[in-house]
Amino acid sequence: MGFGRGKVILLGEHAVVHGYPAIAVGIERGVHAKAAPAERDLLRVDPWGLTLEPNPEGQEPLERAFSAVLSGYEERPQLEVHVDAELPAGAGLGCSAAIGVAVLDAIDEALGRQRSRAELGEAALVWEEVFHGNPSGIDNTMSAVGGVALFVRGEPLRPIHSNKPLHLVVGYSGESSSTKEMVSSVRRQLESDPERVRKTFIGIETLVRNAKLAIEAGDLVALGQLLDLNHTLLSSLMLCTTRLDAMCQTAREAGALGAKMTGAGGGGCMFALAPKREEAERVREALGDDAFVAEVSA
């Protein structure tokens, strides 16, 4: 059974696309896939009721991504791949990357091919390029490897370690968004007002560096404050919505140490940091039925 984790970017989204650092975590809610020999190549995404054939010119991104992945295998039988996704699409949790990693993992298993999780993440970049054009690589990397890590585009992943787990509560706004469109929006702002946007990126980088130290020291209070500040900077880039802002405030009032949007923005998900599991459950209840708790060991 192939598996790709969902991911939560703790700090640094959007800036990471432009070479600045980000911190991300892999969560255990994700995507499972199974591949088996068949009469023709098929990709079935069961929760969405989709059955697709690989097509490099297809209108559906999944058709093109499936074709791109299959082209990396020289000799193989025809394969039918079933996908079961626990993540909402377009929500900032790396659903497309998790599907890509799970599909590759399942095909490798069906063909008896062995490679490391890091290699699996690298291979899944071609899948992500179909969906996002110019992805940072953070989603496919964290989906494959997991844990907590500092990520800089084009550099090796740097794991971050701590003696305290991170109790995260992830909430879905119900608003989907396009990563490609949100990244393009920030790029247009960078082109029209480079001084303001670069100043924002530098501010985000400072928060990321301080967050790394806070995680390593187990200082969750400081980490929560840094999350709030990062949310404010992302809001200045017009990435937050009224719904995301309200959910973050609800989480704080329910006992969260900090909260912010995660991923591309314009909708999607937010998350909150709780001091302990008990508080995490209270925050989850406050956020409603679509929220879930993710405990991450660093």
C-alpha atoms as a PDB file:
ATOM      1  CA  MET A   1       0.000   0.000   0.000  1.00  0.00           C
ATOM      2  CA  GLY A   2       1.446   3.349  -1.025  1.00  0.00           C
ATOM      3  CA  PHE A   3       1.163   6.300   1.342  1.00  0.00           C
ATOM      4  CA  GLY A   4       1.671  10.049   1.092  1.00  0.00           C
ATOM      5  CA  ARG A   5       1.324  12.288   4.143  1.00  0.00           C
ATOM      6  CA  GLY A   6      -0.472  15.547   4.272  1.00  0.00           C
ATOM      7  CA  LYS A   7       1.634  18.511   5.292  1.00  0.00           C
ATOM      8  CA  VAL A   8       1.215  21.672   7.297  1.00  0.00           C
ATOM      9  CA  ILE A   9       3.517  24.620   6.701  1.00  0.00           C
ATOM     10  CA  LEU A  10       4.173  26.071  10.135  1.00  0.00           C
ATOM     11  CA  LEU A  11       5.829  29.243   8.862  1.00  0.00           C
ATOM     12  CA  GLY A  12       7.250  30.560   5.610  1.00  0.00           C
ATOM     13  CA  GLU A  13       4.746  29.784   2.859  1.00  0.00           C
ATOM     14  CA  HIS A  14       4.991  31.960  -0.265  1.00  0.00           C
ATOM     15  CA  ALA A  15       8.372  33.332   0.825  1.00  0.00           C
ATOM     16  CA  VAL A  16       9.725  29.799   0.325  1.00  0.00           C
ATOM     17  CA  VAL A  17       8.865  29.995  -3.386  1.00  0.00           C
ATOM     18  CA  HIS A  18      11.336  32.886  -3.665  1.00  0.00           C
ATOM     19  CA  GLY A  19      14.246  31.203  -1.896  1.00  0.00           C
ATOM     20  CA  TYR A  20      13.483  32.015   1.734  1.00  0.00           C
ATOM     21  CA  PRO A  21      13.265  29.273   4.406  1.00  0.00           C
ATOM     22  CA  ALA A  22      10.091  27.626   5.657  1.00  0.00           C
ATOM     23  CA  ILE A  23       9.264  25.119   8.381  1.00  0.00           C
ATOM     24  CA  ALA A  24       6.850  22.321   7.591  1.00  0.00           C
ATOM     25  CA  VAL A  25       5.563  19.169   9.247  1.00  0.00           C
ATOM     26  CA  GLY A  26       4.230  15.932   7.840  1.00  0.00           C
ATOM     27  CA  ILE A  27       0.979  14.687   9.361  1.00  0.00           C
ATOM     28  CA  GLU A  28      -0.359  11.159   9.477  1.00  0.00           C
ATOM     29  CA  ARG A  29      -3.597  12.041   7.716  1.00  0.00           C
ATOM     30  CA  GLY A  30      -2.949  11.641   4.027  1.00  0.00           C
ATOM     31  CA  VAL A  31      -3.491   9.492   0.944  1.00  0.00           C
ATOM     32  CA  HIS A  32      -3.307   5.716   0.419  1.00  0.00           C
ATOM     33  CA  ALA A  33      -2.913   4.074  -2.980  1.00  0.00           C
ATOM     34  CA  LYS A  34      -2.709   0.543  -4.344  1.00  0.00           C
ATOM     35  CA  ALA A  35      -1.481  -0.495  -7.804  1.00  0.00           C
ATOM     36  CA  ALA A  36      -2.003  -3.786  -9.629  1.00  0.00           C
ATOM     37  CA  PRO A  37      -1.476  -5.104 -13.181  1.00  0.00           C
ATOM     38  CA  ALA A  38      -4.458  -4.445 -15.452  1.00  0.00           C
ATOM     39  CA  GLU A  39      -5.550  -4.444 -19.098  1.00  0.00           C
ATOM     40  CA  ARG A  40      -4.888  -0.708 -19.387  1.00  0.00           C
ATOM     41  CA  ASP A  41      -3.468   2.125 -17.315  1.00  0.00           C
ATOM     42  CA  LEU A  42      -6.120   3.656 -15.069  1.00  0.00           C
ATOM     43  CA  LEU A  43      -6.143   5.998 -12.096  1.00  0.00           C
ATOM     44  CA  ARG A  44      -9.178   5.733  -9.843  1.00  0.00           C
ATOM     45  CA  VAL A  45      -9.612   8.395  -7.154  1.00  0.00           C
ATOM     46  CA  ASP A  46     -12.361   6.648  -5.239  1.00  0.00           C
ATOM     47  CA  PRO A  47     -13.537   9.448  -2.867  1.00  0.00           C
ATOM     48  CA  TRP A  48     -14.021  11.826  -5.800  1.00  0.00           C
ATOM     49  CA  GLY A  49     -15.588   9.266  -8.149  1.00  0.00           C
ATOM     50  CA  LEU A  50     -12.900   9.829 -10.786  1.00  0.00           C
ATOM     51  CA  THR A  51     -11.538   7.266 -13.244  1.00  0.00           C
ATOM     52  CA  LEU A  52      -8.860   8.611 -15.567  1.00  0.00           C
ATOM     53  CA  GLU A  53      -6.378   7.390 -18.148  1.00  0.00           C
ATOM     54  CA  PRO A  54      -2.924   8.937 -18.505  1.00  0.00           C
ATOM     55  CA  ASN A  55      -2.898  11.683 -21.120  1.00  0.00           C
ATOM     56  CA  PRO A  56      -0.045  14.215 -21.456  1.00  0.00           C
ATOM     57  CA  GLU A  57      -2.447  16.585 -23.257  1.00  0.00           C
ATOM     58  CA  GLY A  58      -5.481  15.918 -21.055  1.00  0.00           C
ATOM     59  CA  GLN A  59      -7.658  18.686 -19.653  1.00  0.00           C
ATOM     60  CA  GLU A  60      -7.622  17.166 -16.157  1.00  0.00           C
ATOM     61  CA  PRO A  61      -4.370  17.803 -14.249  1.00  0.00           C
ATOM     62  CA  LEU A  62      -4.617  14.277 -12.839  1.00  0.00           C
ATOM     63  CA  GLU A  63      -4.478  12.856 -16.381  1.00  0.00           C
ATOM     64  CA  ARG A  64      -1.320  14.805 -17.159  1.00  0.00           C
ATOM     65  CA  ALA A  65       0.295  14.119 -13.775  1.00  0.00           C
ATOM     66  CA  PHE A  66      -0.406  10.377 -14.034  1.00  0.00           C
ATOM     67  CA  SER A  67       1.144  10.371 -17.506  1.00  0.00           C
ATOM     68  CA  ALA A  68       4.224  12.233 -16.245  1.00  0.00           C
ATOM     69  CA  VAL A  69       4.759   9.740 -13.427  1.00  0.00           C
ATOM     70  CA  LEU A  70       4.291   6.669 -15.634  1.00  0.00           C
ATOM     71  CA  SER A  71       6.819   7.997 -18.146  1.00  0.00           C
ATOM     72  CA  GLY A  72       9.503   7.513 -15.492  1.00  0.00           C
ATOM     73  CA  TYR A  73       9.130   3.721 -15.648  1.00  0.00           C
ATOM     74  CA  GLU A  74      10.764   2.197 -18.726  1.00  0.00           C
ATOM     75  CA  GLU A  75       9.487  -1.387 -18.681  1.00  0.00           C
ATOM     76  CA  ARG A  76       6.305  -2.209 -16.811  1.00  0.00           C
ATOM     77  CA  PRO A  77       2.898  -3.831 -17.190  1.00  0.00           C
ATOM     78  CA  GLN A  78      -0.279  -1.801 -17.573  1.00  0.00           C
ATOM     79  CA  LEU A  79      -1.387  -0.676 -14.106  1.00  0.00           C
ATOM     80  CA  GLU A  80      -4.608   0.258 -12.377  1.00  0.00           C
ATOM     81  CA  VAL A  81      -4.055   2.519  -9.368  1.00  0.00           C
ATOM     82  CA  HIS A  82      -6.722   3.097  -6.715  1.00  0.00           C
ATOM     83  CA  VAL A  83      -6.402   6.206  -4.552  1.00  0.00           C
ATOM     84  CA  ASP A  84      -8.151   6.892  -1.245  1.00  0.00           C
ATOM     85  CA  ALA A  85      -7.638  10.489  -0.057  1.00  0.00           C
ATOM     86  CA  GLU A  86      -8.348  11.653   3.493  1.00  0.00           C
ATOM     87  CA  LEU A  87      -7.382  15.246   2.656  1.00  0.00           C
ATOM     88  CA  PRO A  88      -9.579  17.946   1.109  1.00  0.00           C
ATOM     89  CA  ALA A  89      -8.327  19.230  -2.234  1.00  0.00           C
ATOM     90  CA  GLY A  90      -7.265  22.857  -2.565  1.00  0.00           C
ATOM     91  CA  ALA A  91      -7.067  23.261   1.197  1.00  0.00           C
ATOM     92  CA  GLY A  92      -3.366  23.901   1.776  1.00  0.00           C
ATOM     93  CA  LEU A  93      -2.591  20.462   3.194  1.00  0.00           C
ATOM     94  CA  GLY A  94      -0.628  19.218   0.203  1.00  0.00           C
ATOM     95  CA  CYS A  95      -3.313  16.910  -1.170  1.00  0.00           C
ATOM     96  CA  SER A  96      -1.961  16.857  -4.727  1.00  0.00           C
ATOM     97  CA  ALA A  97       1.567  16.071  -3.515  1.00  0.00           C
ATOM     98  CA  ALA A  98       0.273  13.358  -1.184  1.00  0.00           C
ATOM     99  CA  ILE A  99      -1.551  11.725  -4.092  1.00  0.00           C
ATOM    100  CA  GLY A 100       1.597  11.865  -6.202  1.00  0.00           C
ATOM    101  CA  VAL A 101       3.764  10.324  -3.476  1.00  0.00           C
ATOM    102  CA  ALA A 102       1.167   7.638  -2.737  1.00  0.00           C
ATOM    103  CA  VAL A 103       0.789   6.748  -6.433  1.00  0.00           C
ATOM    104  CA  LEU A 104       4.557   6.475  -6.923  1.00  0.00           C
ATOM    105  CA  ASP A 105       4.893   4.438  -3.732  1.00  0.00           C
ATOM    106  CA  ALA A 106       2.136   2.071  -4.858  1.00  0.00           C
ATOM    107  CA  ILE A 107       3.626   1.614  -8.333  1.00  0.00           C
ATOM    108  CA  ASP A 108       7.071   0.955  -6.839  1.00  0.00           C
ATOM    109  CA  GLU A 109       5.568  -1.701  -4.585  1.00  0.00           C
ATOM    110  CA  ALA A 110       3.684  -3.333  -7.471  1.00  0.00           C
ATOM    111  CA  LEU A 111       6.862  -3.458  -9.570  1.00  0.00           C
ATOM    112  CA  GLY A 112       9.164  -4.528  -6.727  1.00  0.00           C
ATOM    113  CA  ARG A 113      11.149  -1.327  -6.994  1.00  0.00           C
ATOM    114  CA  GLN A 114      12.868   0.013  -3.888  1.00  0.00           C
ATOM    115  CA  ARG A 115      13.937   3.577  -3.209  1.00  0.00           C
ATOM    116  CA  SER A 116      14.201   5.772  -0.143  1.00  0.00           C
ATOM    117  CA  ARG A 117      11.392   8.055   0.995  1.00  0.00           C
ATOM    118  CA  ALA A 118      13.602  11.017   0.097  1.00  0.00           C
ATOM    119  CA  GLU A 119      14.005   9.682  -3.451  1.00  0.00           C
ATOM    120  CA  LEU A 120      10.253   9.145  -3.601  1.00  0.00           C
ATOM    121  CA  GLY A 121       9.708  12.787  -2.689  1.00  0.00           C
ATOM    122  CA  GLU A 122      12.108  13.938  -5.395  1.00  0.00           C
ATOM    123  CA  ALA A 123      10.370  11.781  -7.992  1.00  0.00           C
ATOM    124  CA  ALA A 124       6.990  13.270  -7.059  1.00  0.00           C
ATOM    125  CA  LEU A 125       8.123  16.759  -8.093  1.00  0.00           C
ATOM    126  CA  VAL A 126       7.130  16.032 -11.712  1.00  0.00           C
ATOM    127  CA  TRP A 127       3.602  15.360 -10.432  1.00  0.00           C
ATOM    128  CA  GLU A 128       3.535  18.664  -8.533  1.00  0.00           C
ATOM    129  CA  GLU A 129       4.799  20.604 -11.548  1.00  0.00           C
ATOM    130  CA  VAL A 130       1.656  19.636 -13.444  1.00  0.00           C
ATOM    131  CA  PHE A 131      -0.560  21.085 -10.721  1.00  0.00           C
ATOM    132  CA  HIS A 132       1.401  24.135  -9.630  1.00  0.00           C
ATOM    133  CA  GLY A 133       3.760  25.051 -12.466  1.00  0.00           C
ATOM    134  CA  ASN A 134       6.658  26.205 -10.301  1.00  0.00           C
ATOM    135  CA  PRO A 135       6.323  24.415  -6.947  1.00  0.00           C
ATOM    136  CA  SER A 136       8.816  25.005  -4.157  1.00  0.00           C
ATOM    137  CA  GLY A 137       9.147  21.255  -3.599  1.00  0.00           C
ATOM    138  CA  ILE A 138       8.167  21.478   0.046  1.00  0.00           C
ATOM    139  CA  ASP A 139       4.857  19.611  -0.334  1.00  0.00           C
ATOM    140  CA  ASN A 140       6.175  16.514  -2.098  1.00  0.00           C
ATOM    141  CA  THR A 141       9.258  16.392   0.145  1.00  0.00           C
ATOM    142  CA  MET A 142       7.321  16.547   3.417  1.00  0.00           C
ATOM    143  CA  SER A 143       4.665  14.163   2.105  1.00  0.00           C
ATOM    144  CA  ALA A 144       7.331  11.545   1.559  1.00  0.00           C
ATOM    145  CA  VAL A 145       9.632  12.156   4.526  1.00  0.00           C
ATOM    146  CA  GLY A 146       7.449  13.552   7.327  1.00  0.00           C
ATOM    147  CA  GLY A 147       8.707  14.896  10.641  1.00  0.00           C
ATOM    148  CA  VAL A 148       9.502  18.565  11.223  1.00  0.00           C
ATOM    149  CA  ALA A 149      12.021  20.245   8.958  1.00  0.00           C
ATOM    150  CA  LEU A 150      13.500  23.495   7.741  1.00  0.00           C
ATOM    151  CA  PHE A 151      13.184  23.704   3.972  1.00  0.00           C
ATOM    152  CA  VAL A 152      15.042  25.967   1.560  1.00  0.00           C
ATOM    153  CA  ARG A 153      14.403  25.480  -2.128  1.00  0.00           C
ATOM    154  CA  GLY A 154      17.211  23.570  -3.814  1.00  0.00           C
ATOM    155  CA  GLU A 155      18.909  22.603  -0.544  1.00  0.00           C
ATOM    156  CA  PRO A 156      18.811  19.377   1.504  1.00  0.00           C
ATOM    157  CA  LEU A 157      16.018  19.123   4.053  1.00  0.00           C
ATOM    158  CA  ARG A 158      17.171  20.005   7.574  1.00  0.00           C
ATOM    159  CA  PRO A 159      15.282  18.071  10.275  1.00  0.00           C
ATOM    160  CA  ILE A 160      14.349  19.974  13.428  1.00  0.00           C
ATOM    161  CA  HIS A 161      14.347  18.056  16.710  1.00  0.00           C
ATOM    162  CA  SER A 162      12.637  18.742  20.016  1.00  0.00           C
ATOM    163  CA  ASN A 163      11.770  16.874  23.191  1.00  0.00           C
ATOM    164  CA  LYS A 164       8.207  18.217  23.029  1.00  0.00           C
ATOM    165  CA  PRO A 165       5.575  17.101  20.507  1.00  0.00           C
ATOM    166  CA  LEU A 166       3.584  19.693  18.611  1.00  0.00           C
ATOM    167  CA  HIS A 167      -0.162  19.477  19.248  1.00  0.00           C
ATOM    168  CA  LEU A 168      -1.736  20.991  16.145  1.00  0.00           C
ATOM    169  CA  VAL A 169      -5.400  21.488  15.352  1.00  0.00           C
ATOM    170  CA  VAL A 170      -6.186  21.822  11.656  1.00  0.00           C
ATOM    171  CA  GLY A 171      -9.401  23.485  10.537  1.00  0.00           C
ATOM    172  CA  TYR A 172     -10.842  23.691   7.020  1.00  0.00           C
ATOM    173  CA  SER A 173     -12.535  26.935   6.022  1.00  0.00           C
ATOM    174  CA  GLY A 174     -14.686  25.304   3.360  1.00  0.00           C
ATOM    175  CA  GLU A 175     -13.154  27.687   0.811  1.00  0.00           C
ATOM    176  CA  SER A 176     -10.956  26.091  -1.845  1.00  0.00           C
ATOM    177  CA  SER A 177      -8.218  27.976  -3.656  1.00  0.00           C
ATOM    178  CA  SER A 178      -5.659  27.480  -6.401  1.00  0.00           C
ATOM    179  CA  THR A 179      -2.017  27.391  -5.310  1.00  0.00           C
ATOM    180  CA  LYS A 180      -0.955  28.451  -8.799  1.00  0.00           C
ATOM    181  CA  GLU A 181      -3.239  31.502  -8.704  1.00  0.00           C
ATOM    182  CA  MET A 182      -2.191  32.548  -5.188  1.00  0.00           C
ATOM    183  CA  VAL A 183       1.521  32.192  -6.009  1.00  0.00           C
ATOM    184  CA  SER A 184       0.948  34.279  -9.142  1.00  0.00           C
ATOM    185  CA  SER A 185      -0.825  36.923  -7.061  1.00  0.00           C
ATOM    186  CA  VAL A 186       2.180  37.285  -4.754  1.00  0.00           C
ATOM    187  CA  ARG A 187       4.532  37.368  -7.733  1.00  0.00           C
ATOM    188  CA  ARG A 188       2.534  40.218  -9.270  1.00  0.00           C
ATOM    189  CA  GLN A 189       2.771  42.117  -5.980  1.00  0.00           C
ATOM    190  CA  LEU A 190       6.523  41.495  -5.926  1.00  0.00           C
ATOM    191  CA  GLU A 191       6.864  42.901  -9.438  1.00  0.00           C
ATOM    192  CA  SER A 192       4.715  45.974  -8.762  1.00  0.00           C
ATOM    193  CA  ASP A 193       5.976  46.769  -5.245  1.00  0.00           C
ATOM    194  CA  PRO A 194       9.263  44.899  -4.737  1.00  0.00           C
ATOM    195  CA  GLU A 195      10.422  46.882  -1.700  1.00  0.00           C
ATOM    196  CA  ARG A 196       7.277  46.149   0.322  1.00  0.00           C
ATOM    197  CA  VAL A 197       7.070  42.472  -0.583  1.00  0.00           C
ATOM    198  CA  ARG A 198      10.772  41.759  -0.060  1.00  0.00           C
ATOM    199  CA  LYS A 199      10.559  43.469   3.326  1.00  0.00           C
ATOM    200  CA  THR A 200       7.664  41.139   4.141  1.00  0.00           C
ATOM    201  CA  PHE A 201       9.667  38.102   3.019  1.00  0.00           C
ATOM    202  CA  ILE A 202      12.610  39.161   5.192  1.00  0.00           C
ATOM    203  CA  GLY A 203      10.246  39.541   8.134  1.00  0.00           C
ATOM    204  CA  ILE A 204       8.899  36.049   7.509  1.00  0.00           C
ATOM    205  CA  GLU A 205      12.440  34.683   7.321  1.00  0.00           C
ATOM    206  CA  THR A 206      13.209  36.160  10.750  1.00  0.00           C
ATOM    207  CA  LEU A 207      10.101  34.488  12.175  1.00  0.00           C
ATOM    208  CA  VAL A 208      11.128  31.158  10.637  1.00  0.00           C
ATOM    209  CA  ARG A 209      14.636  31.324  12.123  1.00  0.00           C
ATOM    210  CA  ASN A 210      13.239  32.189  15.559  1.00  0.00           C
ATOM    211  CA  ALA A 211      10.623  29.444  15.283  1.00  0.00           C
ATOM    212  CA  LYS A 212      13.331  26.864  14.633  1.00  0.00           C
ATOM    213  CA  LEU A 213      15.026  27.906  17.879  1.00  0.00           C
ATOM    214  CA  ALA A 214      11.709  27.848  19.749  1.00  0.00           C
ATOM    215  CA  ILE A 215      10.903  24.318  18.553  1.00  0.00           C
ATOM    216  CA  GLU A 216      14.349  23.054  19.498  1.00  0.00           C
ATOM    217  CA  ALA A 217      14.020  24.649  22.952  1.00  0.00           C
ATOM    218  CA  GLY A 218      10.486  23.336  23.436  1.00  0.00           C
ATOM    219  CA  ASP A 219       9.246  26.916  23.899  1.00  0.00           C
ATOM    220  CA  LEU A 220       5.685  26.516  22.652  1.00  0.00           C
ATOM    221  CA  VAL A 221       4.536  29.905  23.952  1.00  0.00           C
ATOM    222  CA  ALA A 222       7.148  31.679  21.825  1.00  0.00           C
ATOM    223  CA  LEU A 223       6.283  29.482  18.852  1.00  0.00           C
ATOM    224  CA  GLY A 224       2.612  30.406  19.172  1.00  0.00           C
ATOM    225  CA  GLN A 225       3.444  34.111  19.148  1.00  0.00           C
ATOM    226  CA  LEU A 226       5.556  33.648  16.025  1.00  0.00           C
ATOM    227  CA  LEU A 227       2.657  31.884  14.289  1.00  0.00           C
ATOM    228  CA  ASP A 228       0.386  34.849  15.007  1.00  0.00           C
ATOM    229  CA  LEU A 229       2.963  37.259  13.598  1.00  0.00           C
ATOM    230  CA  ASN A 230       3.392  35.157  10.455  1.00  0.00           C
ATOM    231  CA  HIS A 231      -0.381  35.185   9.930  1.00  0.00           C
ATOM    232  CA  THR A 232      -0.326  38.986  10.087  1.00  0.00           C
ATOM    233  CA  LEU A 233       2.440  39.196   7.469  1.00  0.00           C
ATOM    234  CA  LEU A 234       0.594  36.799   5.162  1.00  0.00           C
ATOM    235  CA  SER A 235      -2.505  38.938   5.586  1.00  0.00           C
ATOM    236  CA  SER A 236      -0.501  41.930   4.332  1.00  0.00           C
ATOM    237  CA  LEU A 237       0.038  39.962   1.107  1.00  0.00           C
ATOM    238  CA  MET A 238      -3.762  39.636   0.774  1.00  0.00           C
ATOM    239  CA  LEU A 239      -3.693  35.872   1.294  1.00  0.00           C
ATOM    240  CA  CYS A 240      -6.055  35.567   4.252  1.00  0.00           C
ATOM    241  CA  THR A 241      -9.845  35.544   4.154  1.00  0.00           C
ATOM    242  CA  THR A 242     -12.404  36.751   6.670  1.00  0.00           C
ATOM    243  CA  ARG A 243     -13.275  33.138   7.406  1.00  0.00           C
ATOM    244  CA  LEU A 244      -9.648  32.138   8.066  1.00  0.00           C
ATOM    245  CA  ASP A 245      -9.135  35.157  10.325  1.00  0.00           C
ATOM    246  CA  ALA A 246     -12.261  34.282  12.307  1.00  0.00           C
ATOM    247  CA  MET A 247     -11.203  30.654  12.721  1.00  0.00           C
ATOM    248  CA  CYS A 248      -7.782  31.705  13.995  1.00  0.00           C
ATOM    249  CA  GLN A 249      -9.397  34.013  16.538  1.00  0.00           C
ATOM    250  CA  THR A 250     -11.805  31.263  17.634  1.00  0.00           C
ATOM    251  CA  ALA A 251      -8.855  28.940  18.199  1.00  0.00           C
ATOM    252  CA  ARG A 252      -6.997  31.523  20.281  1.00  0.00           C
ATOM    253  CA  GLU A 253     -10.066  32.178  22.419  1.00  0.00           C
ATOM    254  CA  ALA A 254     -10.402  28.416  22.976  1.00  0.00           C
ATOM    255  CA  GLY A 255      -6.888  28.205  24.418  1.00  0.00           C
ATOM    256  CA  ALA A 256      -4.533  27.969  21.448  1.00  0.00           C
ATOM    257  CA  LEU A 257      -1.069  29.466  21.878  1.00  0.00           C
ATOM    258  CA  GLY A 258      -1.179  30.791  18.325  1.00  0.00           C
ATOM    259  CA  ALA A 259      -2.910  30.227  15.000  1.00  0.00           C
ATOM    260  CA  LYS A 260      -2.399  31.039  11.328  1.00  0.00           C
ATOM    261  CA  MET A 261      -3.444  30.164   7.825  1.00  0.00           C
ATOM    262  CA  THR A 262      -1.390  27.462   6.147  1.00  0.00           C
ATOM    263  CA  GLY A 263      -0.600  26.790   2.524  1.00  0.00           C
ATOM    264  CA  ALA A 264      -1.471  28.999  -0.417  1.00  0.00           C
ATOM    265  CA  GLY A 265      -4.193  31.016   1.300  1.00  0.00           C
ATOM    266  CA  GLY A 266      -7.258  32.527  -0.311  1.00  0.00           C
ATOM    267  CA  GLY A 267      -9.211  29.876   1.580  1.00  0.00           C
ATOM    268  CA  GLY A 268      -8.146  26.381   2.494  1.00  0.00           C
ATOM    269  CA  CYS A 269      -6.967  25.595   6.004  1.00  0.00           C
ATOM    270  CA  MET A 270      -5.673  27.204   9.144  1.00  0.00           C
ATOM    271  CA  PHE A 271      -4.089  25.532  12.123  1.00  0.00           C
ATOM    272  CA  ALA A 272      -3.601  26.268  15.784  1.00  0.00           C
ATOM    273  CA  LEU A 273      -0.912  25.246  18.264  1.00  0.00           C
ATOM    274  CA  ALA A 274      -2.128  23.916  21.614  1.00  0.00           C
ATOM    275  CA  PRO A 275       0.024  23.396  24.721  1.00  0.00           C
ATOM    276  CA  LYS A 276      -1.255  19.855  25.371  1.00  0.00           C
ATOM    277  CA  ARG A 277      -3.571  17.222  23.927  1.00  0.00           C
ATOM    278  CA  GLU A 278      -6.439  18.219  26.231  1.00  0.00           C
ATOM    279  CA  GLU A 279      -6.349  21.828  25.053  1.00  0.00           C
ATOM    280  CA  ALA A 280      -6.056  20.631  21.463  1.00  0.00           C
ATOM    281  CA  GLU A 281      -9.338  18.748  21.822  1.00  0.00           C
ATOM    282  CA  ARG A 282     -11.049  21.875  23.176  1.00  0.00           C
ATOM    283  CA  VAL A 283      -9.768  23.908  20.244  1.00  0.00           C
ATOM    284  CA  ARG A 284     -10.957  21.218  17.837  1.00  0.00           C
ATOM    285  CA  GLU A 285     -14.443  21.316  19.347  1.00  0.00           C
ATOM    286  CA  ALA A 286     -14.508  25.106  19.027  1.00  0.00           C
ATOM    287  CA  LEU A 287     -13.532  24.917  15.346  1.00  0.00           C
ATOM    288  CA  GLY A 288     -16.226  22.382  14.483  1.00  0.00           C
ATOM    289  CA  ASP A 289     -16.639  19.017  12.812  1.00  0.00           C
ATOM    290  CA  ASP A 290     -14.187  19.616   9.960  1.00  0.00           C
ATOM    291  CA  ALA A 291     -11.274  20.190  12.362  1.00  0.00           C
ATOM    292  CA  PHE A 292      -8.877  17.461  13.469  1.00  0.00           C
ATOM    293  CA  VAL A 293      -5.945  17.080  15.844  1.00  0.00           C
ATOM    294  CA  ALA A 294      -2.496  16.228  14.493  1.00  0.00           C
ATOM    295  CA  GLU A 295       0.278  15.397  16.942  1.00  0.00           C
ATOM    296  CA  VAL A 296       3.741  15.731  15.437  1.00  0.00           C
ATOM    297  CA  SER A 297       6.973  14.553  17.035  1.00  0.00           C
ATOM    298  CA  ALA A 298      10.002  16.638  16.164  1.00  0.00           C
END
